[in-house]
Amino acid sequence: MPGCTVLRAEDVAAFHWLPPTCAYRLVAEGRDLPDWHPLRTSDSDSTRKAGRSVAGRCVSEREVPMEELEEHVIL
């Protein structure tokens, strides 16, 4: 996809912005993925089933008027 960042486990050190829970970071650091991770469960819905997903708890920025966007951003 044009404009997308290509992530590879061997390059994870260059991506300091990846959260500590990112699968790329975990694998690159030799740590285990959580039990609920789809790469372990082979279930694309396992994250939601485990209550670890943001599904249903967020809205698209397209649904928020620009003048109200800052109020919807969680730091």
PDB file of N, CA and C in Angstrom:
ATOM      1  N   MET A   1       0.850  -1.165   0.000  1.00  0.00           N
ATOM      2  CA  MET A   1       0.000   0.000   0.000  1.00  0.00           C
ATOM      3  C   MET A   1       0.901   1.236   0.000  1.00  0.00           C
ATOM      4  N   PRO A   2       0.726   2.145  -0.936  1.00  0.00           N
ATOM      5  CA  PRO A   2       1.546   3.353  -0.983  1.00  0.00           C
ATOM      6  C   PRO A   2       1.423   4.162   0.308  1.00  0.00           C
ATOM      7  N   GLY A   3       2.546   4.637   0.803  1.00  0.00           N
ATOM      8  CA  GLY A   3       2.546   5.465   2.007  1.00  0.00           C
ATOM      9  C   GLY A   3       2.595   4.690   3.307  1.00  0.00           C
ATOM     10  N   CYS A   4       2.441   3.384   3.269  1.00  0.00           N
ATOM     11  CA  CYS A   4       2.475   2.581   4.490  1.00  0.00           C
ATOM     12  C   CYS A   4       3.921   2.304   4.900  1.00  0.00           C
ATOM     13  N   THR A   5       4.148   2.220   6.192  1.00  0.00           N
ATOM     14  CA  THR A   5       5.455   1.860   6.714  1.00  0.00           C
ATOM     15  C   THR A   5       5.574   0.350   6.695  1.00  0.00           C
ATOM     16  N   VAL A   6       6.655  -0.150   6.158  1.00  0.00           N
ATOM     17  CA  VAL A   6       6.890  -1.591   6.141  1.00  0.00           C
ATOM     18  C   VAL A   6       7.537  -1.974   7.465  1.00  0.00           C
ATOM     19  N   LEU A   7       6.889  -2.850   8.201  1.00  0.00           N
ATOM     20  CA  LEU A   7       7.408  -3.301   9.490  1.00  0.00           C
ATOM     21  C   LEU A   7       7.931  -4.716   9.362  1.00  0.00           C
ATOM     22  N   ARG A   8       9.162  -4.894   9.816  1.00  0.00           N
ATOM     23  CA  ARG A   8       9.753  -6.231   9.863  1.00  0.00           C
ATOM     24  C   ARG A   8      10.350  -6.387  11.251  1.00  0.00           C
ATOM     25  N   ALA A   9      10.254  -7.576  11.808  1.00  0.00           N
ATOM     26  CA  ALA A   9      10.742  -7.818  13.165  1.00  0.00           C
ATOM     27  C   ALA A   9      12.199  -7.409  13.322  1.00  0.00           C
ATOM     28  N   GLU A  10      13.004  -7.619  12.302  1.00  0.00           N
ATOM     29  CA  GLU A  10      14.430  -7.292  12.415  1.00  0.00           C
ATOM     30  C   GLU A  10      14.691  -5.782  12.421  1.00  0.00           C
ATOM     31  N   ASP A  11      13.705  -4.968  12.059  1.00  0.00           N
ATOM     32  CA  ASP A  11      13.859  -3.515  12.038  1.00  0.00           C
ATOM     33  C   ASP A  11      13.180  -2.825  13.214  1.00  0.00           C
ATOM     34  N   VAL A  12      12.657  -3.578  14.153  1.00  0.00           N
ATOM     35  CA  VAL A  12      11.833  -3.009  15.214  1.00  0.00           C
ATOM     36  C   VAL A  12      12.567  -1.955  16.041  1.00  0.00           C
ATOM     37  N   ALA A  13      13.866  -2.054  16.193  1.00  0.00           N
ATOM     38  CA  ALA A  13      14.618  -1.074  16.977  1.00  0.00           C
ATOM     39  C   ALA A  13      14.505   0.329  16.383  1.00  0.00           C
ATOM     40  N   ALA A  14      14.299   0.418  15.079  1.00  0.00           N
ATOM     41  CA  ALA A  14      14.178   1.721  14.424  1.00  0.00           C
ATOM     42  C   ALA A  14      12.805   2.348  14.628  1.00  0.00           C
ATOM     43  N   PHE A  15      11.860   1.571  15.081  1.00  0.00           N
ATOM     44  CA  PHE A  15      10.495   2.059  15.274  1.00  0.00           C
ATOM     45  C   PHE A  15      10.210   2.255  16.758  1.00  0.00           C
ATOM     46  N   HIS A  16      10.799   3.316  17.321  1.00  0.00           N
ATOM     47  CA  HIS A  16      10.670   3.587  18.758  1.00  0.00           C
ATOM     48  C   HIS A  16       9.234   3.898  19.173  1.00  0.00           C
ATOM     49  N   TRP A  17       8.398   4.256  18.224  1.00  0.00           N
ATOM     50  CA  TRP A  17       7.018   4.624  18.511  1.00  0.00           C
ATOM     51  C   TRP A  17       6.113   3.410  18.712  1.00  0.00           C
ATOM     52  N   LEU A  18       6.612   2.208  18.423  1.00  0.00           N
ATOM     53  CA  LEU A  18       5.780   1.015  18.631  1.00  0.00           C
ATOM     54  C   LEU A  18       5.577   0.784  20.129  1.00  0.00           C
ATOM     55  N   PRO A  19       4.360   0.513  20.546  1.00  0.00           N
ATOM     56  CA  PRO A  19       4.125   0.283  21.971  1.00  0.00           C
ATOM     57  C   PRO A  19       4.770  -1.021  22.436  1.00  0.00           C
ATOM     58  N   PRO A  20       5.020  -1.157  23.725  1.00  0.00           N
ATOM     59  CA  PRO A  20       5.657  -2.370  24.248  1.00  0.00           C
ATOM     60  C   PRO A  20       4.823  -3.629  24.018  1.00  0.00           C
ATOM     61  N   THR A  21       3.547  -3.474  23.742  1.00  0.00           N
ATOM     62  CA  THR A  21       2.668  -4.623  23.518  1.00  0.00           C
ATOM     63  C   THR A  21       2.569  -5.012  22.050  1.00  0.00           C
ATOM     64  N   CYS A  22       3.221  -4.268  21.160  1.00  0.00           N
ATOM     65  CA  CYS A  22       3.165  -4.546  19.731  1.00  0.00           C
ATOM     66  C   CYS A  22       3.766  -5.921  19.435  1.00  0.00           C
ATOM     67  N   ALA A  23       3.079  -6.692  18.613  1.00  0.00           N
ATOM     68  CA  ALA A  23       3.545  -8.046  18.288  1.00  0.00           C
ATOM     69  C   ALA A  23       4.923  -8.022  17.638  1.00  0.00           C
ATOM     70  N   TYR A  24       5.176  -7.053  16.758  1.00  0.00           N
ATOM     71  CA  TYR A  24       6.504  -6.955  16.136  1.00  0.00           C
ATOM     72  C   TYR A  24       7.576  -6.770  17.205  1.00  0.00           C
ATOM     73  N   ARG A  25       7.327  -5.889  18.171  1.00  0.00           N
ATOM     74  CA  ARG A  25       8.293  -5.637  19.232  1.00  0.00           C
ATOM     75  C   ARG A  25       8.477  -6.877  20.107  1.00  0.00           C
ATOM     76  N   LEU A  26       7.379  -7.499  20.492  1.00  0.00           N
ATOM     77  CA  LEU A  26       7.461  -8.680  21.346  1.00  0.00           C
ATOM     78  C   LEU A  26       8.280  -9.792  20.687  1.00  0.00           C
ATOM     79  N   VAL A  27       7.991 -10.063  19.423  1.00  0.00           N
ATOM     80  CA  VAL A  27       8.710 -11.117  18.702  1.00  0.00           C
ATOM     81  C   VAL A  27      10.188 -10.758  18.561  1.00  0.00           C
ATOM     82  N   ALA A  28      10.475  -9.502  18.192  1.00  0.00           N
ATOM     83  CA  ALA A  28      11.866  -9.067  18.008  1.00  0.00           C
ATOM     84  C   ALA A  28      12.651  -9.159  19.307  1.00  0.00           C
ATOM     85  N   GLU A  29      11.977  -8.941  20.442  1.00  0.00           N
ATOM     86  CA  GLU A  29      12.641  -9.003  21.743  1.00  0.00           C
ATOM     87  C   GLU A  29      12.632 -10.405  22.332  1.00  0.00           C
ATOM     88  N   GLY A  30      12.127 -11.379  21.582  1.00  0.00           N
ATOM     89  CA  GLY A  30      12.122 -12.764  22.053  1.00  0.00           C
ATOM     90  C   GLY A  30      11.099 -13.037  23.133  1.00  0.00           C
ATOM     91  N   ARG A  31      10.090 -12.169  23.238  1.00  0.00           N
ATOM     92  CA  ARG A  31       9.050 -12.367  24.258  1.00  0.00           C
ATOM     93  C   ARG A  31       7.833 -13.037  23.630  1.00  0.00           C
ATOM     94  N   ASP A  32       7.029 -13.655  24.463  1.00  0.00           N
ATOM     95  CA  ASP A  32       5.832 -14.357  23.996  1.00  0.00           C
ATOM     96  C   ASP A  32       4.699 -13.384  23.697  1.00  0.00           C
ATOM     97  N   LEU A  33       3.889 -13.753  22.740  1.00  0.00           N
ATOM     98  CA  LEU A  33       2.665 -13.013  22.468  1.00  0.00           C
ATOM     99  C   LEU A  33       1.635 -13.403  23.528  1.00  0.00           C
ATOM    100  N   PRO A  34       0.715 -12.491  23.866  1.00  0.00           N
ATOM    101  CA  PRO A  34      -0.324 -12.820  24.842  1.00  0.00           C
ATOM    102  C   PRO A  34      -1.178 -13.993  24.356  1.00  0.00           C
ATOM    103  N   ASP A  35      -1.765 -14.708  25.281  1.00  0.00           N
ATOM    104  CA  ASP A  35      -2.604 -15.865  24.950  1.00  0.00           C
ATOM    105  C   ASP A  35      -3.747 -15.513  24.002  1.00  0.00           C
ATOM    106  N   TRP A  36      -4.247 -14.282  24.073  1.00  0.00           N
ATOM    107  CA  TRP A  36      -5.388 -13.865  23.265  1.00  0.00           C
ATOM    108  C   TRP A  36      -4.991 -13.392  21.862  1.00  0.00           C
ATOM    109  N   HIS A  37      -3.719 -13.282  21.566  1.00  0.00           N
ATOM    110  CA  HIS A  37      -3.279 -12.720  20.283  1.00  0.00           C
ATOM    111  C   HIS A  37      -3.688 -13.630  19.118  1.00  0.00           C
ATOM    112  N   PRO A  38      -4.233 -13.047  18.043  1.00  0.00           N
ATOM    113  CA  PRO A  38      -4.662 -13.842  16.888  1.00  0.00           C
ATOM    114  C   PRO A  38      -3.566 -14.722  16.280  1.00  0.00           C
ATOM    115  N   LEU A  39      -2.311 -14.297  16.373  1.00  0.00           N
ATOM    116  CA  LEU A  39      -1.237 -15.143  15.847  1.00  0.00           C
ATOM    117  C   LEU A  39      -1.054 -16.414  16.674  1.00  0.00           C
ATOM    118  N   ARG A  40      -1.528 -16.405  17.910  1.00  0.00           N
ATOM    119  CA  ARG A  40      -1.475 -17.610  18.761  1.00  0.00           C
ATOM    120  C   ARG A  40      -2.756 -18.415  18.660  1.00  0.00           C
ATOM    121  N   THR A  41      -3.889 -17.708  18.550  1.00  0.00           N
ATOM    122  CA  THR A  41      -5.178 -18.394  18.606  1.00  0.00           C
ATOM    123  C   THR A  41      -5.692 -18.824  17.238  1.00  0.00           C
ATOM    124  N   SER A  42      -5.154 -18.240  16.185  1.00  0.00           N
ATOM    125  CA  SER A  42      -5.664 -18.441  14.823  1.00  0.00           C
ATOM    126  C   SER A  42      -7.124 -17.999  14.705  1.00  0.00           C
ATOM    127  N   ASP A  43      -7.526 -17.085  15.564  1.00  0.00           N
ATOM    128  CA  ASP A  43      -8.885 -16.558  15.568  1.00  0.00           C
ATOM    129  C   ASP A  43      -8.795 -15.041  15.459  1.00  0.00           C
ATOM    130  N   SER A  44      -9.218 -14.488  14.340  1.00  0.00           N
ATOM    131  CA  SER A  44      -9.109 -13.045  14.130  1.00  0.00           C
ATOM    132  C   SER A  44      -9.958 -12.238  15.107  1.00  0.00           C
ATOM    133  N   ASP A  45     -10.853 -12.874  15.827  1.00  0.00           N
ATOM    134  CA  ASP A  45     -11.726 -12.193  16.774  1.00  0.00           C
ATOM    135  C   ASP A  45     -11.296 -12.401  18.231  1.00  0.00           C
ATOM    136  N   SER A  46     -10.176 -13.075  18.449  1.00  0.00           N
ATOM    137  CA  SER A  46      -9.767 -13.404  19.821  1.00  0.00           C
ATOM    138  C   SER A  46      -9.439 -12.181  20.660  1.00  0.00           C
ATOM    139  N   THR A  47      -8.940 -11.118  20.037  1.00  0.00           N
ATOM    140  CA  THR A  47      -8.629  -9.902  20.787  1.00  0.00           C
ATOM    141  C   THR A  47      -9.902  -9.305  21.371  1.00  0.00           C
ATOM    142  N   ARG A  48     -10.934  -9.214  20.553  1.00  0.00           N
ATOM    143  CA  ARG A  48     -12.216  -8.688  21.041  1.00  0.00           C
ATOM    144  C   ARG A  48     -12.822  -9.592  22.097  1.00  0.00           C
ATOM    145  N   LYS A  49     -12.792 -10.897  21.864  1.00  0.00           N
ATOM    146  CA  LYS A  49     -13.367 -11.852  22.817  1.00  0.00           C
ATOM    147  C   LYS A  49     -12.687 -11.771  24.182  1.00  0.00           C
ATOM    148  N   ALA A  50     -11.406 -11.429  24.187  1.00  0.00           N
ATOM    149  CA  ALA A  50     -10.650 -11.333  25.437  1.00  0.00           C
ATOM    150  C   ALA A  50     -10.792  -9.966  26.101  1.00  0.00           C
ATOM    151  N   GLY A  51     -11.567  -9.070  25.482  1.00  0.00           N
ATOM    152  CA  GLY A  51     -11.751  -7.738  26.050  1.00  0.00           C
ATOM    153  C   GLY A  51     -10.542  -6.838  25.866  1.00  0.00           C
ATOM    154  N   ARG A  52      -9.693  -7.139  24.901  1.00  0.00           N
ATOM    155  CA  ARG A  52      -8.466  -6.372  24.665  1.00  0.00           C
ATOM    156  C   ARG A  52      -8.561  -5.454  23.452  1.00  0.00           C
ATOM    157  N   SER A  53      -9.715  -5.354  22.860  1.00  0.00           N
ATOM    158  CA  SER A  53      -9.908  -4.577  21.638  1.00  0.00           C
ATOM    159  C   SER A  53     -10.563  -3.233  21.950  1.00  0.00           C
ATOM    160  N   VAL A  54     -10.352  -2.262  21.079  1.00  0.00           N
ATOM    161  CA  VAL A  54     -11.049  -0.986  21.205  1.00  0.00           C
ATOM    162  C   VAL A  54     -12.377  -1.010  20.457  1.00  0.00           C
ATOM    163  N   ALA A  55     -12.707  -2.144  19.863  1.00  0.00           N
ATOM    164  CA  ALA A  55     -13.964  -2.268  19.114  1.00  0.00           C
ATOM    165  C   ALA A  55     -15.142  -1.853  19.991  1.00  0.00           C
ATOM    166  N   GLY A  56     -15.940  -0.947  19.468  1.00  0.00           N
ATOM    167  CA  GLY A  56     -17.115  -0.479  20.186  1.00  0.00           C
ATOM    168  C   GLY A  56     -16.827   0.605  21.207  1.00  0.00           C
ATOM    169  N   ARG A  57     -15.551   0.994  21.356  1.00  0.00           N
ATOM    170  CA  ARG A  57     -15.196   2.005  22.350  1.00  0.00           C
ATOM    171  C   ARG A  57     -14.585   3.255  21.731  1.00  0.00           C
ATOM    172  N   CYS A  58     -14.622   3.360  20.427  1.00  0.00           N
ATOM    173  CA  CYS A  58     -14.043   4.527  19.773  1.00  0.00           C
ATOM    174  C   CYS A  58     -14.879   4.906  18.564  1.00  0.00           C
ATOM    175  N   VAL A  59     -14.666   6.120  18.091  1.00  0.00           N
ATOM    176  CA  VAL A  59     -15.353   6.600  16.892  1.00  0.00           C
ATOM    177  C   VAL A  59     -14.310   7.091  15.901  1.00  0.00           C
ATOM    178  N   SER A  60     -14.669   7.071  14.651  1.00  0.00           N
ATOM    179  CA  SER A  60     -13.795   7.588  13.606  1.00  0.00           C
ATOM    180  C   SER A  60     -13.730   9.098  13.700  1.00  0.00           C
ATOM    181  N   GLU A  61     -12.563   9.660  13.386  1.00  0.00           N
ATOM    182  CA  GLU A  61     -12.438  11.120  13.364  1.00  0.00           C
ATOM    183  C   GLU A  61     -13.352  11.739  12.318  1.00  0.00           C
ATOM    184  N   ARG A  62     -13.802  10.946  11.377  1.00  0.00           N
ATOM    185  CA  ARG A  62     -14.726  11.440  10.349  1.00  0.00           C
ATOM    186  C   ARG A  62     -16.110  11.739  10.916  1.00  0.00           C
ATOM    187  N   GLU A  63     -16.409  11.170  12.084  1.00  0.00           N
ATOM    188  CA  GLU A  63     -17.714  11.372  12.707  1.00  0.00           C
ATOM    189  C   GLU A  63     -17.717  12.516  13.709  1.00  0.00           C
ATOM    190  N   VAL A  64     -16.554  13.165  13.890  1.00  0.00           N
ATOM    191  CA  VAL A  64     -16.431  14.241  14.867  1.00  0.00           C
ATOM    192  C   VAL A  64     -16.153  15.548  14.121  1.00  0.00           C
ATOM    193  N   PRO A  65     -16.953  16.581  14.368  1.00  0.00           N
ATOM    194  CA  PRO A  65     -16.677  17.874  13.730  1.00  0.00           C
ATOM    195  C   PRO A  65     -15.271  18.355  14.095  1.00  0.00           C
ATOM    196  N   MET A  66     -14.567  18.963  13.146  1.00  0.00           N
ATOM    197  CA  MET A  66     -13.184  19.399  13.343  1.00  0.00           C
ATOM    198  C   MET A  66     -13.027  20.241  14.614  1.00  0.00           C
ATOM    199  N   GLU A  67     -13.975  21.127  14.887  1.00  0.00           N
ATOM    200  CA  GLU A  67     -13.860  21.995  16.067  1.00  0.00           C
ATOM    201  C   GLU A  67     -14.028  21.215  17.379  1.00  0.00           C
ATOM    202  N   GLU A  68     -14.520  19.988  17.334  1.00  0.00           N
ATOM    203  CA  GLU A  68     -14.690  19.173  18.541  1.00  0.00           C
ATOM    204  C   GLU A  68     -13.664  18.032  18.624  1.00  0.00           C
ATOM    205  N   LEU A  69     -12.816  17.919  17.604  1.00  0.00           N
ATOM    206  CA  LEU A  69     -11.892  16.790  17.526  1.00  0.00           C
ATOM    207  C   LEU A  69     -10.957  16.705  18.731  1.00  0.00           C
ATOM    208  N   GLU A  70     -10.417  17.851  19.168  1.00  0.00           N
ATOM    209  CA  GLU A  70      -9.483  17.842  20.292  1.00  0.00           C
ATOM    210  C   GLU A  70     -10.092  17.228  21.557  1.00  0.00           C
ATOM    211  N   GLU A  71     -11.372  17.436  21.768  1.00  0.00           N
ATOM    212  CA  GLU A  71     -12.051  16.879  22.943  1.00  0.00           C
ATOM    213  C   GLU A  71     -12.136  15.361  22.901  1.00  0.00           C
ATOM    214  N   HIS A  72     -12.011  14.788  21.711  1.00  0.00           N
ATOM    215  CA  HIS A  72     -12.150  13.336  21.548  1.00  0.00           C
ATOM    216  C   HIS A  72     -10.813  12.601  21.555  1.00  0.00           C
ATOM    217  N   VAL A  73      -9.728  13.360  21.588  1.00  0.00           N
ATOM    218  CA  VAL A  73      -8.406  12.747  21.555  1.00  0.00           C
ATOM    219  C   VAL A  73      -7.993  12.391  22.982  1.00  0.00           C
ATOM    220  N   ILE A  74      -7.563  11.154  23.146  1.00  0.00           N
ATOM    221  CA  ILE A  74      -7.090  10.707  24.461  1.00  0.00           C
ATOM    222  C   ILE A  74      -5.587  10.638  24.404  1.00  0.00           C
ATOM    223  N   LEU A  75      -4.925  11.362  25.272  1.00  0.00           N
ATOM    224  CA  LEU A  75      -3.460  11.360  25.301  1.00  0.00           C
ATOM    225  C   LEU A  75      -2.944  10.257  26.180  1.00  0.00           C
TER     226      LEU A  75
END
